[in-house]
Amino acid sequence: MNDQLLTQDMATGQVVAAMDRIRANFVDGLGDRMLRIEADWLAFKADRASGAAFHAVVSDVHRIAGIAGSLGFKEIGESAVALDRRMQGVDPAHNPGAVIVDLDHRIEAFLDLLEDALG
């Protein structure tokens, strides 16, 4: 029985260590993702025909939405999910300025949240 408990404790410790590494990698990559999101968003705003830049932002936000909450970054995860949902279905070439202004505010708030997480 003690061997089984010891094995479970070791496995739990390995899982915790692995999750710590994944969390650290996530945080380490946030700075680069922030810069990419900001650069792609600025490129899209400068040239709304740049659908690739818009979709790059959607892709980065979607990736963050998919993992942040699972890693214990609840607020980032919830914000990313909300932004991802708002951006899905938006056709970057055929939207009124009000949609883009709304997204601009949401993206800026999201980037501020990421920046705060980096300290």
Foldseek 3Di string as FASTA:
>chain_A
DVVVVVVVVVVVVVVVVVLVVVLVVVLVCLVVLLVLLVVLLVVCVVPLVPVVSLVSNLVSLVVCLVPCVVSPNNVLNVLSVVLNVLSPPDDSNDDDPVSSVVNVVSSVVSSVVSVVVND
